[in-house]
Amino acid sequence: MLVHIRINFMKNLIVTILAIIFTSFANGQAKYDRSQLQQYIQSQDYGNAIQLLKAAAPSQFDKEYYLNLGYAYFMNEEEKVLYQLTGLYMSKMC
């Protein structure tokens, strides 16, 4: 029980910290509704957040997009896709 409470606390802390970080990356060029994405994240509806982001995939590299998508996959516990996305992200950054 105590372990479950600690895990939930850590997830909530990570959500808060990443929300602050993502807000700092906002530059007005996203093709998706950021307020809708924020609502999905706050309500922990990561599946819909992923769908929203995938529907608005950018034609060129967009750091904010990949950070948001990676975060949604991580919180939705889809590690396999997250690792693939991380490899794509790292190849674009180098």
PDB file of N, CA and C in Angstrom:
ATOM      1  N   MET A   1       0.832  -1.198   0.000  1.00  0.00           N
ATOM      2  CA  MET A   1       0.000   0.000   0.000  1.00  0.00           C
ATOM      3  C   MET A   1       0.874   1.258   0.000  1.00  0.00           C
ATOM      4  N   LEU A   2       1.874   1.265   0.878  1.00  0.00           N
ATOM      5  CA  LEU A   2       2.750   2.423   0.966  1.00  0.00           C
ATOM      6  C   LEU A   2       3.553   2.612  -0.321  1.00  0.00           C
ATOM      7  N   VAL A   3       3.967   1.502  -0.917  1.00  0.00           N
ATOM      8  CA  VAL A   3       4.717   1.570  -2.177  1.00  0.00           C
ATOM      9  C   VAL A   3       3.834   2.157  -3.273  1.00  0.00           C
ATOM     10  N   HIS A   4       2.573   1.747  -3.318  1.00  0.00           N
ATOM     11  CA  HIS A   4       1.633   2.265  -4.319  1.00  0.00           C
ATOM     12  C   HIS A   4       1.435   3.772  -4.152  1.00  0.00           C
ATOM     13  N   ILE A   5       1.351   4.236  -2.931  1.00  0.00           N
ATOM     14  CA  ILE A   5       1.179   5.668  -2.667  1.00  0.00           C
ATOM     15  C   ILE A   5       2.422   6.430  -3.116  1.00  0.00           C
ATOM     16  N   ARG A   6       3.597   5.875  -2.843  1.00  0.00           N
ATOM     17  CA  ARG A   6       4.843   6.530  -3.264  1.00  0.00           C
ATOM     18  C   ARG A   6       4.952   6.599  -4.781  1.00  0.00           C
ATOM     19  N   ILE A   7       4.563   5.526  -5.463  1.00  0.00           N
ATOM     20  CA  ILE A   7       4.619   5.513  -6.924  1.00  0.00           C
ATOM     21  C   ILE A   7       3.687   6.566  -7.495  1.00  0.00           C
ATOM     22  N   ASN A   8       2.466   6.665  -6.967  1.00  0.00           N
ATOM     23  CA  ASN A   8       1.527   7.693  -7.439  1.00  0.00           C
ATOM     24  C   ASN A   8       2.055   9.083  -7.163  1.00  0.00           C
ATOM     25  N   PHE A   9       2.660   9.281  -6.002  1.00  0.00           N
ATOM     26  CA  PHE A   9       3.229  10.592  -5.674  1.00  0.00           C
ATOM     27  C   PHE A   9       4.329  10.953  -6.662  1.00  0.00           C
ATOM     28  N   MET A  10       5.211   9.994  -6.956  1.00  0.00           N
ATOM     29  CA  MET A  10       6.310  10.255  -7.888  1.00  0.00           C
ATOM     30  C   MET A  10       5.789  10.545  -9.292  1.00  0.00           C
ATOM     31  N   LYS A  11       4.762   9.806  -9.740  1.00  0.00           N
ATOM     32  CA  LYS A  11       4.180  10.069 -11.058  1.00  0.00           C
ATOM     33  C   LYS A  11       3.604  11.476 -11.106  1.00  0.00           C
ATOM     34  N   ASN A  12       2.878  11.872 -10.064  1.00  0.00           N
ATOM     35  CA  ASN A  12       2.294  13.212 -10.031  1.00  0.00           C
ATOM     36  C   ASN A  12       3.372  14.285 -10.010  1.00  0.00           C
ATOM     37  N   LEU A  13       4.442  14.031  -9.287  1.00  0.00           N
ATOM     38  CA  LEU A  13       5.549  14.983  -9.246  1.00  0.00           C
ATOM     39  C   LEU A  13       6.188  15.115 -10.623  1.00  0.00           C
ATOM     40  N   ILE A  14       6.404  13.986 -11.283  1.00  0.00           N
ATOM     41  CA  ILE A  14       6.993  14.002 -12.628  1.00  0.00           C
ATOM     42  C   ILE A  14       6.075  14.725 -13.607  1.00  0.00           C
ATOM     43  N   VAL A  15       4.766  14.489 -13.502  1.00  0.00           N
ATOM     44  CA  VAL A  15       3.804  15.164 -14.383  1.00  0.00           C
ATOM     45  C   VAL A  15       3.905  16.669 -14.206  1.00  0.00           C
ATOM     46  N   THR A  16       3.954  17.114 -12.976  1.00  0.00           N
ATOM     47  CA  THR A  16       4.029  18.548 -12.696  1.00  0.00           C
ATOM     48  C   THR A  16       5.313  19.151 -13.244  1.00  0.00           C
ATOM     49  N   ILE A  17       6.431  18.505 -12.993  1.00  0.00           N
ATOM     50  CA  ILE A  17       7.718  19.021 -13.461  1.00  0.00           C
ATOM     51  C   ILE A  17       7.766  19.063 -14.990  1.00  0.00           C
ATOM     52  N   LEU A  18       7.329  17.986 -15.635  1.00  0.00           N
ATOM     53  CA  LEU A  18       7.359  17.961 -17.094  1.00  0.00           C
ATOM     54  C   LEU A  18       6.380  18.952 -17.712  1.00  0.00           C
ATOM     55  N   ALA A  19       5.246  19.176 -17.058  1.00  0.00           N
ATOM     56  CA  ALA A  19       4.300  20.179 -17.560  1.00  0.00           C
ATOM     57  C   ALA A  19       4.946  21.565 -17.551  1.00  0.00           C
ATOM     58  N   ILE A  20       5.701  21.849 -16.517  1.00  0.00           N
ATOM     59  CA  ILE A  20       6.407  23.142 -16.445  1.00  0.00           C
ATOM     60  C   ILE A  20       7.470  23.226 -17.540  1.00  0.00           C
ATOM     61  N   ILE A  21       8.195  22.138 -17.739  1.00  0.00           N
ATOM     62  CA  ILE A  21       9.229  22.122 -18.786  1.00  0.00           C
ATOM     63  C   ILE A  21       8.601  22.271 -20.166  1.00  0.00           C
ATOM     64  N   PHE A  22       7.508  21.541 -20.430  1.00  0.00           N
ATOM     65  CA  PHE A  22       6.861  21.616 -21.737  1.00  0.00           C
ATOM     66  C   PHE A  22       6.325  23.012 -22.005  1.00  0.00           C
ATOM     67  N   THR A  23       5.840  23.671 -20.966  1.00  0.00           N
ATOM     68  CA  THR A  23       5.334  25.029 -21.131  1.00  0.00           C
ATOM     69  C   THR A  23       6.454  25.966 -21.572  1.00  0.00           C
ATOM     70  N   SER A  24       7.669  25.722 -21.078  1.00  0.00           N
ATOM     71  CA  SER A  24       8.787  26.581 -21.454  1.00  0.00           C
ATOM     72  C   SER A  24       9.198  26.381 -22.914  1.00  0.00           C
ATOM     73  N   PHE A  25       8.859  25.231 -23.509  1.00  0.00           N
ATOM     74  CA  PHE A  25       9.186  24.976 -24.906  1.00  0.00           C
ATOM     75  C   PHE A  25       8.136  25.525 -25.874  1.00  0.00           C
ATOM     76  N   ALA A  26       7.019  25.988 -25.348  1.00  0.00           N
ATOM     77  CA  ALA A  26       5.932  26.459 -26.213  1.00  0.00           C
ATOM     78  C   ALA A  26       6.408  27.657 -27.031  1.00  0.00           C
ATOM     79  N   ASN A  27       6.267  27.551 -28.352  1.00  0.00           N
ATOM     80  CA  ASN A  27       6.711  28.645 -29.213  1.00  0.00           C
ATOM     81  C   ASN A  27       5.676  29.021 -30.259  1.00  0.00           C
ATOM     82  N   GLY A  28       4.462  28.526 -30.134  1.00  0.00           N
ATOM     83  CA  GLY A  28       3.385  28.935 -31.019  1.00  0.00           C
ATOM     84  C   GLY A  28       3.375  28.295 -32.391  1.00  0.00           C
ATOM     85  N   GLN A  29       4.176  27.254 -32.642  1.00  0.00           N
ATOM     86  CA  GLN A  29       4.239  26.663 -33.968  1.00  0.00           C
ATOM     87  C   GLN A  29       3.612  25.272 -34.051  1.00  0.00           C
ATOM     88  N   ALA A  30       3.049  24.791 -32.970  1.00  0.00           N
ATOM     89  CA  ALA A  30       2.484  23.444 -32.976  1.00  0.00           C
ATOM     90  C   ALA A  30       1.215  23.397 -33.823  1.00  0.00           C
ATOM     91  N   LYS A  31       1.007  22.250 -34.504  1.00  0.00           N
ATOM     92  CA  LYS A  31      -0.181  22.070 -35.328  1.00  0.00           C
ATOM     93  C   LYS A  31      -1.283  21.359 -34.564  1.00  0.00           C
ATOM     94  N   TYR A  32      -1.125  21.202 -33.275  1.00  0.00           N
ATOM     95  CA  TYR A  32      -2.134  20.566 -32.439  1.00  0.00           C
ATOM     96  C   TYR A  32      -2.561  21.541 -31.344  1.00  0.00           C
ATOM     97  N   ASP A  33      -3.708  21.286 -30.784  1.00  0.00           N
ATOM     98  CA  ASP A  33      -4.271  22.151 -29.754  1.00  0.00           C
ATOM     99  C   ASP A  33      -3.577  21.877 -28.423  1.00  0.00           C
ATOM    100  N   ARG A  34      -2.708  22.782 -28.021  1.00  0.00           N
ATOM    101  CA  ARG A  34      -1.946  22.593 -26.794  1.00  0.00           C
ATOM    102  C   ARG A  34      -2.837  22.556 -25.562  1.00  0.00           C
ATOM    103  N   SER A  35      -3.891  23.346 -25.564  1.00  0.00           N
ATOM    104  CA  SER A  35      -4.782  23.340 -24.397  1.00  0.00           C
ATOM    105  C   SER A  35      -5.488  21.991 -24.279  1.00  0.00           C
ATOM    106  N   GLN A  36      -5.863  21.394 -25.417  1.00  0.00           N
ATOM    107  CA  GLN A  36      -6.480  20.070 -25.384  1.00  0.00           C
ATOM    108  C   GLN A  36      -5.466  19.029 -24.903  1.00  0.00           C
ATOM    109  N   LEU A  37      -4.232  19.130 -25.364  1.00  0.00           N
ATOM    110  CA  LEU A  37      -3.183  18.223 -24.917  1.00  0.00           C
ATOM    111  C   LEU A  37      -2.978  18.361 -23.410  1.00  0.00           C
ATOM    112  N   GLN A  38      -2.939  19.581 -22.924  1.00  0.00           N
ATOM    113  CA  GLN A  38      -2.759  19.822 -21.492  1.00  0.00           C
ATOM    114  C   GLN A  38      -3.910  19.223 -20.689  1.00  0.00           C
ATOM    115  N   GLN A  39      -5.135  19.316 -21.209  1.00  0.00           N
ATOM    116  CA  GLN A  39      -6.289  18.719 -20.523  1.00  0.00           C
ATOM    117  C   GLN A  39      -6.154  17.204 -20.452  1.00  0.00           C
ATOM    118  N   TYR A  40      -5.727  16.593 -21.545  1.00  0.00           N
ATOM    119  CA  TYR A  40      -5.529  15.143 -21.546  1.00  0.00           C
ATOM    120  C   TYR A  40      -4.462  14.737 -20.530  1.00  0.00           C
ATOM    121  N   ILE A  41      -3.378  15.484 -20.487  1.00  0.00           N
ATOM    122  CA  ILE A  41      -2.296  15.158 -19.561  1.00  0.00           C
ATOM    123  C   ILE A  41      -2.743  15.340 -18.118  1.00  0.00           C
ATOM    124  N   GLN A  42      -3.442  16.434 -17.841  1.00  0.00           N
ATOM    125  CA  GLN A  42      -3.905  16.672 -16.473  1.00  0.00           C
ATOM    126  C   GLN A  42      -4.915  15.629 -16.015  1.00  0.00           C
ATOM    127  N   SER A  43      -5.718  15.120 -16.935  1.00  0.00           N
ATOM    128  CA  SER A  43      -6.701  14.098 -16.570  1.00  0.00           C
ATOM    129  C   SER A  43      -6.117  12.685 -16.699  1.00  0.00           C
ATOM    130  N   GLN A  44      -4.831  12.606 -17.004  1.00  0.00           N
ATOM    131  CA  GLN A  44      -4.094  11.353 -17.159  1.00  0.00           C
ATOM    132  C   GLN A  44      -4.697  10.463 -18.254  1.00  0.00           C
ATOM    133  N   ASP A  45      -5.211  11.088 -19.298  1.00  0.00           N
ATOM    134  CA  ASP A  45      -5.763  10.383 -20.460  1.00  0.00           C
ATOM    135  C   ASP A  45      -4.693  10.371 -21.551  1.00  0.00           C
ATOM    136  N   TYR A  46      -3.652   9.574 -21.321  1.00  0.00           N
ATOM    137  CA  TYR A  46      -2.493   9.589 -22.204  1.00  0.00           C
ATOM    138  C   TYR A  46      -2.769   8.956 -23.560  1.00  0.00           C
ATOM    139  N   GLY A  47      -3.706   8.038 -23.621  1.00  0.00           N
ATOM    140  CA  GLY A  47      -4.072   7.436 -24.895  1.00  0.00           C
ATOM    141  C   GLY A  47      -4.612   8.476 -25.867  1.00  0.00           C
ATOM    142  N   ASN A  48      -5.511   9.341 -25.394  1.00  0.00           N
ATOM    143  CA  ASN A  48      -6.042  10.408 -26.250  1.00  0.00           C
ATOM    144  C   ASN A  48      -4.979  11.460 -26.550  1.00  0.00           C
ATOM    145  N   ALA A  49      -4.069  11.684 -25.611  1.00  0.00           N
ATOM    146  CA  ALA A  49      -2.974  12.629 -25.876  1.00  0.00           C
ATOM    147  C   ALA A  49      -2.108  12.110 -27.023  1.00  0.00           C
ATOM    148  N   ILE A  50      -1.834  10.804 -27.014  1.00  0.00           N
ATOM    149  CA  ILE A  50      -1.046  10.198 -28.088  1.00  0.00           C
ATOM    150  C   ILE A  50      -1.775  10.320 -29.418  1.00  0.00           C
ATOM    151  N   GLN A  51      -3.064  10.043 -29.424  1.00  0.00           N
ATOM    152  CA  GLN A  51      -3.847  10.139 -30.659  1.00  0.00           C
ATOM    153  C   GLN A  51      -3.864  11.563 -31.196  1.00  0.00           C
ATOM    154  N   LEU A  52      -4.014  12.547 -30.310  1.00  0.00           N
ATOM    155  CA  LEU A  52      -4.004  13.951 -30.721  1.00  0.00           C
ATOM    156  C   LEU A  52      -2.674  14.302 -31.371  1.00  0.00           C
ATOM    157  N   LEU A  53      -1.593  13.874 -30.752  1.00  0.00           N
ATOM    158  CA  LEU A  53      -0.268  14.186 -31.286  1.00  0.00           C
ATOM    159  C   LEU A  53       0.017  13.444 -32.591  1.00  0.00           C
ATOM    160  N   LYS A  54      -0.346  12.156 -32.650  1.00  0.00           N
ATOM    161  CA  LYS A  54      -0.098  11.392 -33.868  1.00  0.00           C
ATOM    162  C   LYS A  54      -0.877  11.948 -35.055  1.00  0.00           C
ATOM    163  N   ALA A  55      -2.060  12.493 -34.805  1.00  0.00           N
ATOM    164  CA  ALA A  55      -2.864  13.071 -35.890  1.00  0.00           C
ATOM    165  C   ALA A  55      -2.240  14.348 -36.437  1.00  0.00           C
ATOM    166  N   ALA A  56      -1.360  14.966 -35.646  1.00  0.00           N
ATOM    167  CA  ALA A  56      -0.751  16.231 -36.064  1.00  0.00           C
ATOM    168  C   ALA A  56       0.756  16.087 -36.241  1.00  0.00           C
ATOM    169  N   ALA A  57       1.196  14.946 -36.742  1.00  0.00           N
ATOM    170  CA  ALA A  57       2.631  14.707 -36.915  1.00  0.00           C
ATOM    171  C   ALA A  57       3.242  15.774 -37.826  1.00  0.00           C
ATOM    172  N   PRO A  58       4.339  16.388 -37.398  1.00  0.00           N
ATOM    173  CA  PRO A  58       4.959  17.444 -38.209  1.00  0.00           C
ATOM    174  C   PRO A  58       5.692  16.872 -39.420  1.00  0.00           C
ATOM    175  N   SER A  59       5.797  17.680 -40.453  1.00  0.00           N
ATOM    176  CA  SER A  59       6.508  17.248 -41.661  1.00  0.00           C
ATOM    177  C   SER A  59       8.021  17.361 -41.487  1.00  0.00           C
ATOM    178  N   GLN A  60       8.459  18.189 -40.550  1.00  0.00           N
ATOM    179  CA  GLN A  60       9.879  18.302 -40.257  1.00  0.00           C
ATOM    180  C   GLN A  60      10.085  18.160 -38.756  1.00  0.00           C
ATOM    181  N   PHE A  61      11.328  18.023 -38.339  1.00  0.00           N
ATOM    182  CA  PHE A  61      11.643  17.780 -36.931  1.00  0.00           C
ATOM    183  C   PHE A  61      11.127  18.920 -36.058  1.00  0.00           C
ATOM    184  N   ASP A  62      10.409  18.558 -34.989  1.00  0.00           N
ATOM    185  CA  ASP A  62       9.866  19.525 -34.039  1.00  0.00           C
ATOM    186  C   ASP A  62      10.134  18.995 -32.640  1.00  0.00           C
ATOM    187  N   LYS A  63      11.086  19.615 -31.955  1.00  0.00           N
ATOM    188  CA  LYS A  63      11.523  19.145 -30.646  1.00  0.00           C
ATOM    189  C   LYS A  63      10.362  19.065 -29.651  1.00  0.00           C
ATOM    190  N   GLU A  64       9.547  20.090 -29.604  1.00  0.00           N
ATOM    191  CA  GLU A  64       8.426  20.113 -28.658  1.00  0.00           C
ATOM    192  C   GLU A  64       7.460  18.960 -28.916  1.00  0.00           C
ATOM    193  N   TYR A  65       7.182  18.703 -30.178  1.00  0.00           N
ATOM    194  CA  TYR A  65       6.271  17.611 -30.541  1.00  0.00           C
ATOM    195  C   TYR A  65       6.797  16.280 -30.020  1.00  0.00           C
ATOM    196  N   TYR A  66       8.073  15.990 -30.275  1.00  0.00           N
ATOM    197  CA  TYR A  66       8.645  14.715 -29.849  1.00  0.00           C
ATOM    198  C   TYR A  66       8.753  14.613 -28.330  1.00  0.00           C
ATOM    199  N   LEU A  67       9.008  15.706 -27.652  1.00  0.00           N
ATOM    200  CA  LEU A  67       9.015  15.680 -26.192  1.00  0.00           C
ATOM    201  C   LEU A  67       7.624  15.355 -25.649  1.00  0.00           C
ATOM    202  N   ASN A  68       6.617  16.002 -26.190  1.00  0.00           N
ATOM    203  CA  ASN A  68       5.245  15.736 -25.750  1.00  0.00           C
ATOM    204  C   ASN A  68       4.826  14.302 -26.060  1.00  0.00           C
ATOM    205  N   LEU A  69       5.145  13.826 -27.257  1.00  0.00           N
ATOM    206  CA  LEU A  69       4.773  12.467 -27.644  1.00  0.00           C
ATOM    207  C   LEU A  69       5.507  11.436 -26.783  1.00  0.00           C
ATOM    208  N   GLY A  70       6.791  11.655 -26.555  1.00  0.00           N
ATOM    209  CA  GLY A  70       7.563  10.747 -25.709  1.00  0.00           C
ATOM    210  C   GLY A  70       7.031  10.697 -24.288  1.00  0.00           C
ATOM    211  N   TYR A  71       6.670  11.850 -23.768  1.00  0.00           N
ATOM    212  CA  TYR A  71       6.106  11.903 -22.419  1.00  0.00           C
ATOM    213  C   TYR A  71       4.783  11.140 -22.349  1.00  0.00           C
ATOM    214  N   ALA A  72       3.935  11.321 -23.334  1.00  0.00           N
ATOM    215  CA  ALA A  72       2.640  10.632 -23.357  1.00  0.00           C
ATOM    216  C   ALA A  72       2.836   9.119 -23.434  1.00  0.00           C
ATOM    217  N   TYR A  73       3.779   8.672 -24.273  1.00  0.00           N
ATOM    218  CA  TYR A  73       4.064   7.234 -24.355  1.00  0.00           C
ATOM    219  C   TYR A  73       4.622   6.717 -23.025  1.00  0.00           C
ATOM    220  N   PHE A  74       5.517   7.479 -22.412  1.00  0.00           N
ATOM    221  CA  PHE A  74       6.102   7.062 -21.134  1.00  0.00           C
ATOM    222  C   PHE A  74       5.020   6.905 -20.067  1.00  0.00           C
ATOM    223  N   MET A  75       4.159   7.889 -19.955  1.00  0.00           N
ATOM    224  CA  MET A  75       3.121   7.844 -18.931  1.00  0.00           C
ATOM    225  C   MET A  75       2.061   6.791 -19.247  1.00  0.00           C
ATOM    226  N   ASN A  76       1.908   6.457 -20.510  1.00  0.00           N
ATOM    227  CA  ASN A  76       0.955   5.419 -20.912  1.00  0.00           C
ATOM    228  C   ASN A  76       1.598   4.026 -20.830  1.00  0.00           C
ATOM    229  N   GLU A  77       2.845   3.997 -20.341  1.00  0.00           N
ATOM    230  CA  GLU A  77       3.592   2.766 -20.118  1.00  0.00           C
ATOM    231  C   GLU A  77       3.762   1.943 -21.397  1.00  0.00           C
ATOM    232  N   GLU A  78       4.071   2.635 -22.483  1.00  0.00           N
ATOM    233  CA  GLU A  78       4.337   1.978 -23.767  1.00  0.00           C
ATOM    234  C   GLU A  78       5.836   2.096 -24.047  1.00  0.00           C
ATOM    235  N   GLU A  79       6.620   1.330 -23.286  1.00  0.00           N
ATOM    236  CA  GLU A  79       8.070   1.432 -23.344  1.00  0.00           C
ATOM    237  C   GLU A  79       8.643   1.103 -24.718  1.00  0.00           C
ATOM    238  N   LYS A  80       8.091   0.098 -25.383  1.00  0.00           N
ATOM    239  CA  LYS A  80       8.627  -0.305 -26.686  1.00  0.00           C
ATOM    240  C   LYS A  80       8.572   0.854 -27.684  1.00  0.00           C
ATOM    241  N   VAL A  81       7.448   1.526 -27.750  1.00  0.00           N
ATOM    242  CA  VAL A  81       7.299   2.665 -28.668  1.00  0.00           C
ATOM    243  C   VAL A  81       8.186   3.807 -28.203  1.00  0.00           C
ATOM    244  N   LEU A  82       8.280   3.994 -26.898  1.00  0.00           N
ATOM    245  CA  LEU A  82       9.113   5.062 -26.358  1.00  0.00           C
ATOM    246  C   LEU A  82      10.572   4.880 -26.753  1.00  0.00           C
ATOM    247  N   TYR A  83      11.080   3.640 -26.692  1.00  0.00           N
ATOM    248  CA  TYR A  83      12.464   3.385 -27.089  1.00  0.00           C
ATOM    249  C   TYR A  83      12.673   3.661 -28.576  1.00  0.00           C
ATOM    250  N   GLN A  84      11.706   3.305 -29.406  1.00  0.00           N
ATOM    251  CA  GLN A  84      11.802   3.592 -30.835  1.00  0.00           C
ATOM    252  C   GLN A  84      11.799   5.094 -31.072  1.00  0.00           C
ATOM    253  N   LEU A  85      10.939   5.799 -30.367  1.00  0.00           N
ATOM    254  CA  LEU A  85      10.850   7.254 -30.497  1.00  0.00           C
ATOM    255  C   LEU A  85      12.135   7.915 -30.022  1.00  0.00           C
ATOM    256  N   THR A  86      12.721   7.395 -28.952  1.00  0.00           N
ATOM    257  CA  THR A  86      13.972   7.946 -28.428  1.00  0.00           C
ATOM    258  C   THR A  86      15.087   7.799 -29.458  1.00  0.00           C
ATOM    259  N   GLY A  87      15.147   6.666 -30.128  1.00  0.00           N
ATOM    260  CA  GLY A  87      16.151   6.465 -31.168  1.00  0.00           C
ATOM    261  C   GLY A  87      15.962   7.437 -32.322  1.00  0.00           C
ATOM    262  N   LEU A  88      14.721   7.677 -32.718  1.00  0.00           N
ATOM    263  CA  LEU A  88      14.424   8.632 -33.780  1.00  0.00           C
ATOM    264  C   LEU A  88      14.823  10.032 -33.347  1.00  0.00           C
ATOM    265  N   TYR A  89      14.469  10.391 -32.117  1.00  0.00           N
ATOM    266  CA  TYR A  89      14.781  11.716 -31.587  1.00  0.00           C
ATOM    267  C   TYR A  89      16.289  11.933 -31.551  1.00  0.00           C
ATOM    268  N   MET A  90      17.029  10.940 -31.056  1.00  0.00           N
ATOM    269  CA  MET A  90      18.475  11.086 -30.955  1.00  0.00           C
ATOM    270  C   MET A  90      19.109  11.174 -32.342  1.00  0.00           C
ATOM    271  N   SER A  91      18.579  10.448 -33.317  1.00  0.00           N
ATOM    272  CA  SER A  91      19.161  10.509 -34.664  1.00  0.00           C
ATOM    273  C   SER A  91      18.930  11.887 -35.289  1.00  0.00           C
ATOM    274  N   LYS A  92      17.835  12.541 -34.954  1.00  0.00           N
ATOM    275  CA  LYS A  92      17.554  13.872 -35.483  1.00  0.00           C
ATOM    276  C   LYS A  92      18.404  14.933 -34.799  1.00  0.00           C
ATOM    277  N   MET A  93      18.739  14.705 -33.524  1.00  0.00           N
ATOM    278  CA  MET A  93      19.495  15.695 -32.779  1.00  0.00           C
ATOM    279  C   MET A  93      20.985  15.672 -33.140  1.00  0.00           C
ATOM    280  N   CYS A  94      21.502  14.543 -33.576  1.00  0.00           N
ATOM    281  CA  CYS A  94      22.942  14.415 -33.869  1.00  0.00           C
ATOM    282  C   CYS A  94      23.275  14.814 -35.274  1.00  0.00           C
TER     283      CYS A  94
END
